[in-house]
Amino acid sequence: MACIQAGGCAVGDEAGDGGPVGAGRGPLRYTDLQCSIPGISQRMLTHTLRQLRRDGLVTSTAYPGVPPRVEYALTGLGATLLDAVTALIDWAGTHHDEITRNRTHYDKEVHGS
């Protein structure tokens, strides 16, 4: 993936680069995850990763150093979700324009704007 640096994040030309834990590309650091999910707050990512760990879908490995480094990876159970999540992402991409039109139509109908 072609990347450029932007505010400490690698921004690529592929949208939605796998979401939490990089869709099976191997362990990812917290900052890499945060950069791959546009608009996510640090609080929301931390909460989501904690829930995924609790559910047994993600592992975290801490490495000593300054600053400390933590990597997140899918577990075997988490990897079983990849096909379903990928299908959902593909569906959303395919139908994005139609959904946007429906929202605009609805908003005009309900709010008169």
PDB file of N, CA and C in Angstrom:
ATOM      1  N   MET A   1       0.839  -1.163   0.000  1.00  0.00           N
ATOM      2  CA  MET A   1       0.000   0.000   0.000  1.00  0.00           C
ATOM      3  C   MET A   1       0.887   1.230   0.000  1.00  0.00           C
ATOM      4  N   ALA A   2       0.590   2.167  -0.865  1.00  0.00           N
ATOM      5  CA  ALA A   2       1.333   3.412  -0.899  1.00  0.00           C
ATOM      6  C   ALA A   2       0.915   4.264   0.285  1.00  0.00           C
ATOM      7  N   CYS A   3       1.876   4.793   1.037  1.00  0.00           N
ATOM      8  CA  CYS A   3       1.563   5.557   2.235  1.00  0.00           C
ATOM      9  C   CYS A   3       2.296   6.881   2.245  1.00  0.00           C
ATOM     10  N   ILE A   4       1.701   7.843   2.927  1.00  0.00           N
ATOM     11  CA  ILE A   4       2.364   9.098   3.219  1.00  0.00           C
ATOM     12  C   ILE A   4       2.218   9.344   4.710  1.00  0.00           C
ATOM     13  N   GLN A   5       3.069  10.143   5.278  1.00  0.00           N
ATOM     14  CA  GLN A   5       2.971  10.469   6.688  1.00  0.00           C
ATOM     15  C   GLN A   5       2.055  11.662   6.868  1.00  0.00           C
ATOM     16  N   ALA A   6       1.118  11.568   7.789  1.00  0.00           N
ATOM     17  CA  ALA A   6       0.216  12.675   8.086  1.00  0.00           C
ATOM     18  C   ALA A   6      -0.086  12.658   9.572  1.00  0.00           C
ATOM     19  N   GLY A   7       0.440  13.621  10.288  1.00  0.00           N
ATOM     20  CA  GLY A   7       0.177  13.706  11.721  1.00  0.00           C
ATOM     21  C   GLY A   7       0.574  12.451  12.470  1.00  0.00           C
ATOM     22  N   GLY A   8       1.654  11.805  12.073  1.00  0.00           N
ATOM     23  CA  GLY A   8       2.111  10.601  12.739  1.00  0.00           C
ATOM     24  C   GLY A   8       1.449   9.346  12.240  1.00  0.00           C
ATOM     25  N   CYS A   9       0.478   9.459  11.365  1.00  0.00           N
ATOM     26  CA  CYS A   9      -0.241   8.293  10.857  1.00  0.00           C
ATOM     27  C   CYS A   9       0.142   8.039   9.410  1.00  0.00           C
ATOM     28  N   ALA A  10       0.280   6.786   9.069  1.00  0.00           N
ATOM     29  CA  ALA A  10       0.500   6.428   7.673  1.00  0.00           C
ATOM     30  C   ALA A  10      -0.846   6.413   6.981  1.00  0.00           C
ATOM     31  N   VAL A  11      -1.007   7.289   6.001  1.00  0.00           N
ATOM     32  CA  VAL A  11      -2.270   7.376   5.279  1.00  0.00           C
ATOM     33  C   VAL A  11      -2.064   6.749   3.917  1.00  0.00           C
ATOM     34  N   GLY A  12      -2.850   5.722   3.633  1.00  0.00           N
ATOM     35  CA  GLY A  12      -2.678   5.017   2.367  1.00  0.00           C
ATOM     36  C   GLY A  12      -3.778   5.329   1.391  1.00  0.00           C
ATOM     37  N   ASP A  13      -3.656   4.737   0.211  1.00  0.00           N
ATOM     38  CA  ASP A  13      -4.673   4.962  -0.805  1.00  0.00           C
ATOM     39  C   ASP A  13      -5.759   3.902  -0.756  1.00  0.00           C
ATOM     40  N   GLU A  14      -5.762   3.073   0.286  1.00  0.00           N
ATOM     41  CA  GLU A  14      -6.821   2.083   0.453  1.00  0.00           C
ATOM     42  C   GLU A  14      -7.648   2.476   1.657  1.00  0.00           C
ATOM     43  N   ALA A  15      -8.930   2.693   1.447  1.00  0.00           N
ATOM     44  CA  ALA A  15      -9.807   3.071   2.551  1.00  0.00           C
ATOM     45  C   ALA A  15     -10.093   1.870   3.427  1.00  0.00           C
ATOM     46  N   GLY A  16     -10.266   2.137   4.722  1.00  0.00           N
ATOM     47  CA  GLY A  16     -10.628   1.066   5.654  1.00  0.00           C
ATOM     48  C   GLY A  16      -9.647  -0.066   5.612  1.00  0.00           C
ATOM     49  N   ASP A  17      -8.441   0.180   6.038  1.00  0.00           N
ATOM     50  CA  ASP A  17      -7.359  -0.781   5.901  1.00  0.00           C
ATOM     51  C   ASP A  17      -7.456  -1.925   6.901  1.00  0.00           C
ATOM     52  N   GLY A  18      -8.636  -2.489   7.041  1.00  0.00           N
ATOM     53  CA  GLY A  18      -8.754  -3.666   7.865  1.00  0.00           C
ATOM     54  C   GLY A  18      -9.363  -3.429   9.226  1.00  0.00           C
ATOM     55  N   GLY A  19      -9.496  -2.192   9.634  1.00  0.00           N
ATOM     56  CA  GLY A  19     -10.111  -1.928  10.917  1.00  0.00           C
ATOM     57  C   GLY A  19      -9.341  -2.553  12.053  1.00  0.00           C
ATOM     58  N   PRO A  20     -10.014  -2.826  13.157  1.00  0.00           N
ATOM     59  CA  PRO A  20      -9.306  -3.348  14.297  1.00  0.00           C
ATOM     60  C   PRO A  20      -8.489  -4.583  13.962  1.00  0.00           C
ATOM     61  N   VAL A  21      -7.263  -4.515  14.307  1.00  0.00           N
ATOM     62  CA  VAL A  21      -6.296  -5.588  14.181  1.00  0.00           C
ATOM     63  C   VAL A  21      -6.022  -5.964  12.733  1.00  0.00           C
ATOM     64  N   GLY A  22      -6.191  -5.007  11.839  1.00  0.00           N
ATOM     65  CA  GLY A  22      -5.692  -5.116  10.482  1.00  0.00           C
ATOM     66  C   GLY A  22      -6.203  -6.261   9.646  1.00  0.00           C
ATOM     67  N   ALA A  23      -7.356  -6.781   9.962  1.00  0.00           N
ATOM     68  CA  ALA A  23      -7.974  -7.849   9.173  1.00  0.00           C
ATOM     69  C   ALA A  23      -7.003  -8.986   8.882  1.00  0.00           C
ATOM     70  N   GLY A  24      -6.292  -9.416   9.912  1.00  0.00           N
ATOM     71  CA  GLY A  24      -5.469 -10.608   9.776  1.00  0.00           C
ATOM     72  C   GLY A  24      -4.112 -10.409   9.158  1.00  0.00           C
ATOM     73  N   ARG A  25      -3.628  -9.176   9.072  1.00  0.00           N
ATOM     74  CA  ARG A  25      -2.307  -8.928   8.500  1.00  0.00           C
ATOM     75  C   ARG A  25      -1.200  -9.153   9.511  1.00  0.00           C
ATOM     76  N   GLY A  26      -1.531  -9.659  10.664  1.00  0.00           N
ATOM     77  CA  GLY A  26      -0.538  -9.868  11.699  1.00  0.00           C
ATOM     78  C   GLY A  26      -0.661  -8.812  12.773  1.00  0.00           C
ATOM     79  N   PRO A  27       0.188  -8.900  13.789  1.00  0.00           N
ATOM     80  CA  PRO A  27       0.101  -7.957  14.901  1.00  0.00           C
ATOM     81  C   PRO A  27       0.287  -6.512  14.445  1.00  0.00           C
ATOM     82  N   LEU A  28      -0.480  -5.621  15.068  1.00  0.00           N
ATOM     83  CA  LEU A  28      -0.372  -4.192  14.779  1.00  0.00           C
ATOM     84  C   LEU A  28      -0.227  -3.423  16.080  1.00  0.00           C
ATOM     85  N   ARG A  29       0.542  -2.352  16.023  1.00  0.00           N
ATOM     86  CA  ARG A  29       0.688  -1.471  17.169  1.00  0.00           C
ATOM     87  C   ARG A  29      -0.565  -0.603  17.299  1.00  0.00           C
ATOM     88  N   TYR A  30      -0.769  -0.098  18.500  1.00  0.00           N
ATOM     89  CA  TYR A  30      -1.940   0.728  18.784  1.00  0.00           C
ATOM     90  C   TYR A  30      -2.039   1.899  17.810  1.00  0.00           C
ATOM     91  N   THR A  31      -0.937   2.608  17.602  1.00  0.00           N
ATOM     92  CA  THR A  31      -0.981   3.781  16.713  1.00  0.00           C
ATOM     93  C   THR A  31      -1.312   3.391  15.282  1.00  0.00           C
ATOM     94  N   ASP A  32      -0.849   2.227  14.840  1.00  0.00           N
ATOM     95  CA  ASP A  32      -1.183   1.766  13.486  1.00  0.00           C
ATOM     96  C   ASP A  32      -2.680   1.484  13.372  1.00  0.00           C
ATOM     97  N   LEU A  33      -3.239   0.892  14.413  1.00  0.00           N
ATOM     98  CA  LEU A  33      -4.682   0.656  14.426  1.00  0.00           C
ATOM     99  C   LEU A  33      -5.445   1.972  14.401  1.00  0.00           C
ATOM    100  N   GLN A  34      -5.023   2.911  15.242  1.00  0.00           N
ATOM    101  CA  GLN A  34      -5.711   4.195  15.309  1.00  0.00           C
ATOM    102  C   GLN A  34      -5.668   4.905  13.961  1.00  0.00           C
ATOM    103  N   CYS A  35      -4.557   4.831  13.282  1.00  0.00           N
ATOM    104  CA  CYS A  35      -4.425   5.488  11.984  1.00  0.00           C
ATOM    105  C   CYS A  35      -5.233   4.794  10.897  1.00  0.00           C
ATOM    106  N   SER A  36      -5.486   3.504  11.067  1.00  0.00           N
ATOM    107  CA  SER A  36      -6.207   2.774  10.027  1.00  0.00           C
ATOM    108  C   SER A  36      -7.724   2.907  10.147  1.00  0.00           C
ATOM    109  N   ILE A  37      -8.181   3.586  11.210  1.00  0.00           N
ATOM    110  CA  ILE A  37      -9.617   3.757  11.425  1.00  0.00           C
ATOM    111  C   ILE A  37      -9.894   5.258  11.500  1.00  0.00           C
ATOM    112  N   PRO A  38     -10.178   5.876  10.370  1.00  0.00           N
ATOM    113  CA  PRO A  38     -10.368   7.327  10.355  1.00  0.00           C
ATOM    114  C   PRO A  38     -11.446   7.789  11.327  1.00  0.00           C
ATOM    115  N   GLY A  39     -11.107   8.814  12.088  1.00  0.00           N
ATOM    116  CA  GLY A  39     -12.080   9.446  12.970  1.00  0.00           C
ATOM    117  C   GLY A  39     -12.288   8.781  14.315  1.00  0.00           C
ATOM    118  N   ILE A  40     -11.645   7.654  14.588  1.00  0.00           N
ATOM    119  CA  ILE A  40     -11.852   6.995  15.880  1.00  0.00           C
ATOM    120  C   ILE A  40     -11.066   7.735  16.955  1.00  0.00           C
ATOM    121  N   SER A  41     -11.702   7.907  18.101  1.00  0.00           N
ATOM    122  CA  SER A  41     -11.020   8.563  19.216  1.00  0.00           C
ATOM    123  C   SER A  41     -10.162   7.539  19.957  1.00  0.00           C
ATOM    124  N   GLN A  42      -9.190   8.051  20.691  1.00  0.00           N
ATOM    125  CA  GLN A  42      -8.342   7.176  21.486  1.00  0.00           C
ATOM    126  C   GLN A  42      -9.184   6.406  22.501  1.00  0.00           C
ATOM    127  N   ARG A  43     -10.145   7.086  23.093  1.00  0.00           N
ATOM    128  CA  ARG A  43     -11.003   6.444  24.080  1.00  0.00           C
ATOM    129  C   ARG A  43     -11.813   5.305  23.461  1.00  0.00           C
ATOM    130  N   MET A  44     -12.409   5.537  22.282  1.00  0.00           N
ATOM    131  CA  MET A  44     -13.223   4.510  21.646  1.00  0.00           C
ATOM    132  C   MET A  44     -12.372   3.315  21.208  1.00  0.00           C
ATOM    133  N   LEU A  45     -11.187   3.579  20.666  1.00  0.00           N
ATOM    134  CA  LEU A  45     -10.323   2.470  20.253  1.00  0.00           C
ATOM    135  C   LEU A  45      -9.891   1.651  21.467  1.00  0.00           C
ATOM    136  N   THR A  46      -9.516   2.328  22.535  1.00  0.00           N
ATOM    137  CA  THR A  46      -9.107   1.619  23.749  1.00  0.00           C
ATOM    138  C   THR A  46     -10.252   0.765  24.280  1.00  0.00           C
ATOM    139  N   HIS A  47     -11.439   1.323  24.318  1.00  0.00           N
ATOM    140  CA  HIS A  47     -12.615   0.582  24.784  1.00  0.00           C
ATOM    141  C   HIS A  47     -12.902  -0.627  23.885  1.00  0.00           C
ATOM    142  N   THR A  48     -12.856  -0.411  22.575  1.00  0.00           N
ATOM    143  CA  THR A  48     -13.132  -1.488  21.624  1.00  0.00           C
ATOM    144  C   THR A  48     -12.112  -2.611  21.751  1.00  0.00           C
ATOM    145  N   LEU A  49     -10.833  -2.255  21.841  1.00  0.00           N
ATOM    146  CA  LEU A  49      -9.794  -3.281  21.989  1.00  0.00           C
ATOM    147  C   LEU A  49      -9.968  -4.052  23.293  1.00  0.00           C
ATOM    148  N   ARG A  50     -10.338  -3.354  24.350  1.00  0.00           N
ATOM    149  CA  ARG A  50     -10.571  -4.019  25.637  1.00  0.00           C
ATOM    150  C   ARG A  50     -11.716  -5.028  25.502  1.00  0.00           C
ATOM    151  N   GLN A  51     -12.790  -4.640  24.830  1.00  0.00           N
ATOM    152  CA  GLN A  51     -13.931  -5.544  24.634  1.00  0.00           C
ATOM    153  C   GLN A  51     -13.545  -6.738  23.753  1.00  0.00           C
ATOM    154  N   LEU A  52     -12.781  -6.476  22.695  1.00  0.00           N
ATOM    155  CA  LEU A  52     -12.345  -7.565  21.820  1.00  0.00           C
ATOM    156  C   LEU A  52     -11.441  -8.550  22.567  1.00  0.00           C
ATOM    157  N   ARG A  53     -10.593  -8.029  23.444  1.00  0.00           N
ATOM    158  CA  ARG A  53      -9.752  -8.902  24.277  1.00  0.00           C
ATOM    159  C   ARG A  53     -10.631  -9.718  25.218  1.00  0.00           C
ATOM    160  N   ARG A  54     -11.594  -9.068  25.819  1.00  0.00           N
ATOM    161  CA  ARG A  54     -12.506  -9.745  26.755  1.00  0.00           C
ATOM    162  C   ARG A  54     -13.262 -10.876  26.073  1.00  0.00           C
ATOM    163  N   ASP A  55     -13.670 -10.655  24.826  1.00  0.00           N
ATOM    164  CA  ASP A  55     -14.401 -11.661  24.062  1.00  0.00           C
ATOM    165  C   ASP A  55     -13.507 -12.764  23.506  1.00  0.00           C
ATOM    166  N   GLY A  56     -12.198 -12.601  23.652  1.00  0.00           N
ATOM    167  CA  GLY A  56     -11.269 -13.607  23.143  1.00  0.00           C
ATOM    168  C   GLY A  56     -11.008 -13.493  21.652  1.00  0.00           C
ATOM    169  N   LEU A  57     -11.275 -12.320  21.078  1.00  0.00           N
ATOM    170  CA  LEU A  57     -11.083 -12.125  19.637  1.00  0.00           C
ATOM    171  C   LEU A  57      -9.722 -11.529  19.310  1.00  0.00           C
ATOM    172  N   VAL A  58      -9.093 -10.891  20.304  1.00  0.00           N
ATOM    173  CA  VAL A  58      -7.832 -10.190  20.104  1.00  0.00           C
ATOM    174  C   VAL A  58      -6.921 -10.468  21.296  1.00  0.00           C
ATOM    175  N   THR A  59      -5.638 -10.570  21.026  1.00  0.00           N
ATOM    176  CA  THR A  59      -4.644 -10.641  22.094  1.00  0.00           C
ATOM    177  C   THR A  59      -3.822  -9.359  22.072  1.00  0.00           C
ATOM    178  N   SER A  60      -3.227  -9.045  23.206  1.00  0.00           N
ATOM    179  CA  SER A  60      -2.298  -7.921  23.254  1.00  0.00           C
ATOM    180  C   SER A  60      -1.005  -8.402  23.880  1.00  0.00           C
ATOM    181  N   THR A  61       0.097  -7.921  23.329  1.00  0.00           N
ATOM    182  CA  THR A  61       1.416  -8.260  23.841  1.00  0.00           C
ATOM    183  C   THR A  61       2.164  -6.969  24.092  1.00  0.00           C
ATOM    184  N   ALA A  62       2.594  -6.781  25.344  1.00  0.00           N
ATOM    185  CA  ALA A  62       3.337  -5.575  25.717  1.00  0.00           C
ATOM    186  C   ALA A  62       4.833  -5.862  25.666  1.00  0.00           C
ATOM    187  N   TYR A  63       5.583  -4.915  25.109  1.00  0.00           N
ATOM    188  CA  TYR A  63       7.030  -5.009  25.023  1.00  0.00           C
ATOM    189  C   TYR A  63       7.635  -3.847  25.792  1.00  0.00           C
ATOM    190  N   PRO A  64       8.639  -4.128  26.625  1.00  0.00           N
ATOM    191  CA  PRO A  64       9.241  -3.040  27.386  1.00  0.00           C
ATOM    192  C   PRO A  64       9.987  -2.080  26.473  1.00  0.00           C
ATOM    193  N   GLY A  65      10.119  -0.883  26.919  1.00  0.00           N
ATOM    194  CA  GLY A  65      10.849   0.128  26.156  1.00  0.00           C
ATOM    195  C   GLY A  65      10.294   1.490  26.486  1.00  0.00           C
ATOM    196  N   VAL A  66      10.893   2.483  25.888  1.00  0.00           N
ATOM    197  CA  VAL A  66      10.436   3.852  26.073  1.00  0.00           C
ATOM    198  C   VAL A  66      10.166   4.436  24.709  1.00  0.00           C
ATOM    199  N   PRO A  67       8.932   4.709  24.356  1.00  0.00           N
ATOM    200  CA  PRO A  67       7.741   4.366  25.130  1.00  0.00           C
ATOM    201  C   PRO A  67       7.444   2.877  25.023  1.00  0.00           C
ATOM    202  N   PRO A  68       6.641   2.356  25.954  1.00  0.00           N
ATOM    203  CA  PRO A  68       6.284   0.939  25.860  1.00  0.00           C
ATOM    204  C   PRO A  68       5.513   0.678  24.570  1.00  0.00           C
ATOM    205  N   ARG A  69       5.674  -0.526  24.056  1.00  0.00           N
ATOM    206  CA  ARG A  69       5.014  -0.889  22.799  1.00  0.00           C
ATOM    207  C   ARG A  69       4.039  -2.021  23.076  1.00  0.00           C
ATOM    208  N   VAL A  70       2.826  -1.886  22.539  1.00  0.00           N
ATOM    209  CA  VAL A  70       1.818  -2.935  22.668  1.00  0.00           C
ATOM    210  C   VAL A  70       1.366  -3.295  21.266  1.00  0.00           C
ATOM    211  N   GLU A  71       1.348  -4.590  20.986  1.00  0.00           N
ATOM    212  CA  GLU A  71       0.855  -5.080  19.698  1.00  0.00           C
ATOM    213  C   GLU A  71      -0.417  -5.888  19.925  1.00  0.00           C
ATOM    214  N   TYR A  72      -1.333  -5.757  18.972  1.00  0.00           N
ATOM    215  CA  TYR A  72      -2.602  -6.464  19.019  1.00  0.00           C
ATOM    216  C   TYR A  72      -2.684  -7.400  17.831  1.00  0.00           C
ATOM    217  N   ALA A  73      -3.228  -8.590  18.068  1.00  0.00           N
ATOM    218  CA  ALA A  73      -3.362  -9.582  16.996  1.00  0.00           C
ATOM    219  C   ALA A  73      -4.673 -10.339  17.169  1.00  0.00           C
ATOM    220  N   LEU A  74      -5.214 -10.794  16.060  1.00  0.00           N
ATOM    221  CA  LEU A  74      -6.415 -11.618  16.115  1.00  0.00           C
ATOM    222  C   LEU A  74      -6.081 -12.981  16.703  1.00  0.00           C
ATOM    223  N   THR A  75      -6.996 -13.516  17.489  1.00  0.00           N
ATOM    224  CA  THR A  75      -6.885 -14.897  17.948  1.00  0.00           C
ATOM    225  C   THR A  75      -7.467 -15.793  16.849  1.00  0.00           C
ATOM    226  N   GLY A  76      -7.401 -17.079  17.046  1.00  0.00           N
ATOM    227  CA  GLY A  76      -8.038 -17.999  16.098  1.00  0.00           C
ATOM    228  C   GLY A  76      -9.521 -17.721  15.968  1.00  0.00           C
ATOM    229  N   LEU A  77     -10.178 -17.462  17.106  1.00  0.00           N
ATOM    230  CA  LEU A  77     -11.601 -17.139  17.085  1.00  0.00           C
ATOM    231  C   LEU A  77     -11.859 -15.841  16.325  1.00  0.00           C
ATOM    232  N   GLY A  78     -11.031 -14.827  16.565  1.00  0.00           N
ATOM    233  CA  GLY A  78     -11.176 -13.556  15.858  1.00  0.00           C
ATOM    234  C   GLY A  78     -11.007 -13.724  14.359  1.00  0.00           C
ATOM    235  N   ALA A  79     -10.082 -14.573  13.965  1.00  0.00           N
ATOM    236  CA  ALA A  79      -9.836 -14.796  12.535  1.00  0.00           C
ATOM    237  C   ALA A  79     -11.037 -15.419  11.845  1.00  0.00           C
ATOM    238  N   THR A  80     -11.863 -16.163  12.598  1.00  0.00           N
ATOM    239  CA  THR A  80     -13.041 -16.769  11.975  1.00  0.00           C
ATOM    240  C   THR A  80     -14.069 -15.720  11.560  1.00  0.00           C
ATOM    241  N   LEU A  81     -13.952 -14.494  12.081  1.00  0.00           N
ATOM    242  CA  LEU A  81     -14.869 -13.420  11.709  1.00  0.00           C
ATOM    243  C   LEU A  81     -14.469 -12.696  10.425  1.00  0.00           C
ATOM    244  N   LEU A  82     -13.268 -12.930   9.936  1.00  0.00           N
ATOM    245  CA  LEU A  82     -12.762 -12.156   8.804  1.00  0.00           C
ATOM    246  C   LEU A  82     -13.659 -12.224   7.576  1.00  0.00           C
ATOM    247  N   ASP A  83     -14.124 -13.396   7.220  1.00  0.00           N
ATOM    248  CA  ASP A  83     -14.973 -13.509   6.028  1.00  0.00           C
ATOM    249  C   ASP A  83     -16.264 -12.712   6.184  1.00  0.00           C
ATOM    250  N   ALA A  84     -16.887 -12.811   7.361  1.00  0.00           N
ATOM    251  CA  ALA A  84     -18.142 -12.086   7.597  1.00  0.00           C
ATOM    252  C   ALA A  84     -17.911 -10.578   7.588  1.00  0.00           C
ATOM    253  N   VAL A  85     -16.864 -10.131   8.246  1.00  0.00           N
ATOM    254  CA  VAL A  85     -16.575  -8.696   8.299  1.00  0.00           C
ATOM    255  C   VAL A  85     -16.214  -8.177   6.910  1.00  0.00           C
ATOM    256  N   THR A  86     -15.420  -8.923   6.173  1.00  0.00           N
ATOM    257  CA  THR A  86     -15.045  -8.521   4.819  1.00  0.00           C
ATOM    258  C   THR A  86     -16.281  -8.417   3.928  1.00  0.00           C
ATOM    259  N   ALA A  87     -17.191  -9.378   4.057  1.00  0.00           N
ATOM    260  CA  ALA A  87     -18.435  -9.334   3.273  1.00  0.00           C
ATOM    261  C   ALA A  87     -19.258  -8.100   3.629  1.00  0.00           C
ATOM    262  N   LEU A  88     -19.321  -7.765   4.908  1.00  0.00           N
ATOM    263  CA  LEU A  88     -20.067  -6.583   5.340  1.00  0.00           C
ATOM    264  C   LEU A  88     -19.436  -5.300   4.799  1.00  0.00           C
ATOM    265  N   ILE A  89     -18.117  -5.214   4.845  1.00  0.00           N
ATOM    266  CA  ILE A  89     -17.412  -4.047   4.313  1.00  0.00           C
ATOM    267  C   ILE A  89     -17.644  -3.934   2.808  1.00  0.00           C
ATOM    268  N   ASP A  90     -17.568  -5.046   2.104  1.00  0.00           N
ATOM    269  CA  ASP A  90     -17.810  -5.039   0.659  1.00  0.00           C
ATOM    270  C   ASP A  90     -19.245  -4.593   0.351  1.00  0.00           C
ATOM    271  N   TRP A  91     -20.206  -5.119   1.119  1.00  0.00           N
ATOM    272  CA  TRP A  91     -21.610  -4.752   0.921  1.00  0.00           C
ATOM    273  C   TRP A  91     -21.799  -3.249   1.132  1.00  0.00           C
ATOM    274  N   ALA A  92     -21.231  -2.731   2.218  1.00  0.00           N
ATOM    275  CA  ALA A  92     -21.369  -1.301   2.520  1.00  0.00           C
ATOM    276  C   ALA A  92     -20.749  -0.454   1.412  1.00  0.00           C
ATOM    277  N   GLY A  93     -19.606  -0.875   0.891  1.00  0.00           N
ATOM    278  CA  GLY A  93     -18.978  -0.136  -0.205  1.00  0.00           C
ATOM    279  C   GLY A  93     -19.823  -0.164  -1.467  1.00  0.00           C
ATOM    280  N   THR A  94     -20.381  -1.309  -1.764  1.00  0.00           N
ATOM    281  CA  THR A  94     -21.215  -1.456  -2.959  1.00  0.00           C
ATOM    282  C   THR A  94     -22.470  -0.600  -2.879  1.00  0.00           C
ATOM    283  N   HIS A  95     -23.046  -0.481  -1.695  1.00  0.00           N
ATOM    284  CA  HIS A  95     -24.336   0.196  -1.530  1.00  0.00           C
ATOM    285  C   HIS A  95     -24.231   1.588  -0.915  1.00  0.00           C
ATOM    286  N   HIS A  96     -23.020   2.092  -0.772  1.00  0.00           N
ATOM    287  CA  HIS A  96     -22.803   3.386  -0.122  1.00  0.00           C
ATOM    288  C   HIS A  96     -23.606   4.510  -0.770  1.00  0.00           C
ATOM    289  N   ASP A  97     -23.531   4.629  -2.091  1.00  0.00           N
ATOM    290  CA  ASP A  97     -24.232   5.713  -2.785  1.00  0.00           C
ATOM    291  C   ASP A  97     -25.747   5.612  -2.595  1.00  0.00           C
ATOM    292  N   GLU A  98     -26.277   4.402  -2.680  1.00  0.00           N
ATOM    293  CA  GLU A  98     -27.715   4.209  -2.506  1.00  0.00           C
ATOM    294  C   GLU A  98     -28.155   4.572  -1.085  1.00  0.00           C
ATOM    295  N   ILE A  99     -27.370   4.181  -0.108  1.00  0.00           N
ATOM    296  CA  ILE A  99     -27.686   4.504   1.282  1.00  0.00           C
ATOM    297  C   ILE A  99     -27.632   6.016   1.502  1.00  0.00           C
ATOM    298  N   THR A 100     -26.638   6.660   0.931  1.00  0.00           N
ATOM    299  CA  THR A 100     -26.524   8.119   1.049  1.00  0.00           C
ATOM    300  C   THR A 100     -27.741   8.806   0.438  1.00  0.00           C
ATOM    301  N   ARG A 101     -28.165   8.342  -0.745  1.00  0.00           N
ATOM    302  CA  ARG A 101     -29.374   8.902  -1.373  1.00  0.00           C
ATOM    303  C   ARG A 101     -30.600   8.687  -0.493  1.00  0.00           C
ATOM    304  N   ASN A 102     -30.744   7.496   0.076  1.00  0.00           N
ATOM    305  CA  ASN A 102     -31.885   7.200   0.944  1.00  0.00           C
ATOM    306  C   ASN A 102     -31.887   8.095   2.174  1.00  0.00           C
ATOM    307  N   ARG A 103     -30.724   8.338   2.754  1.00  0.00           N
ATOM    308  CA  ARG A 103     -30.640   9.215   3.924  1.00  0.00           C
ATOM    309  C   ARG A 103     -31.037  10.638   3.562  1.00  0.00           C
ATOM    310  N   THR A 104     -30.558  11.110   2.428  1.00  0.00           N
ATOM    311  CA  THR A 104     -30.903  12.465   1.977  1.00  0.00           C
ATOM    312  C   THR A 104     -32.401  12.583   1.750  1.00  0.00           C
ATOM    313  N   HIS A 105     -32.985  11.600   1.084  1.00  0.00           N
ATOM    314  CA  HIS A 105     -34.423  11.589   0.829  1.00  0.00           C
ATOM    315  C   HIS A 105     -35.198  11.578   2.149  1.00  0.00           C
ATOM    316  N   TYR A 106     -34.799  10.728   3.070  1.00  0.00           N
ATOM    317  CA  TYR A 106     -35.451  10.626   4.366  1.00  0.00           C
ATOM    318  C   TYR A 106     -35.382  11.956   5.116  1.00  0.00           C
ATOM    319  N   ASP A 107     -34.183  12.542   5.168  1.00  0.00           N
ATOM    320  CA  ASP A 107     -34.002  13.810   5.884  1.00  0.00           C
ATOM    321  C   ASP A 107     -34.874  14.908   5.305  1.00  0.00           C
ATOM    322  N   LYS A 108     -34.987  14.972   3.980  1.00  0.00           N
ATOM    323  CA  LYS A 108     -35.847  15.971   3.342  1.00  0.00           C
ATOM    324  C   LYS A 108     -37.308  15.720   3.695  1.00  0.00           C
ATOM    325  N   GLU A 109     -37.688  14.460   3.689  1.00  0.00           N
ATOM    326  CA  GLU A 109     -39.077  14.082   3.980  1.00  0.00           C
ATOM    327  C   GLU A 109     -39.440  14.375   5.437  1.00  0.00           C
ATOM    328  N   VAL A 110     -38.565  14.035   6.355  1.00  0.00           N
ATOM    329  CA  VAL A 110     -38.858  14.162   7.775  1.00  0.00           C
ATOM    330  C   VAL A 110     -38.607  15.577   8.301  1.00  0.00           C
ATOM    331  N   HIS A 111     -37.500  16.164   7.866  1.00  0.00           N
ATOM    332  CA  HIS A 111     -37.092  17.457   8.415  1.00  0.00           C
ATOM    333  C   HIS A 111     -37.377  18.607   7.474  1.00  0.00           C
ATOM    334  N   GLY A 112     -37.797  18.315   6.260  1.00  0.00           N
ATOM    335  CA  GLY A 112     -38.094  19.367   5.292  1.00  0.00           C
ATOM    336  C   GLY A 112     -36.886  20.152   4.855  1.00  0.00           C
ATOM    337  N   SER A 113     -35.707  19.561   4.987  1.00  0.00           N
ATOM    338  CA  SER A 113     -34.495  20.288   4.576  1.00  0.00           C
ATOM    339  C   SER A 113     -33.850  19.681   3.372  1.00  0.00           C
TER     340      SER A 113
END
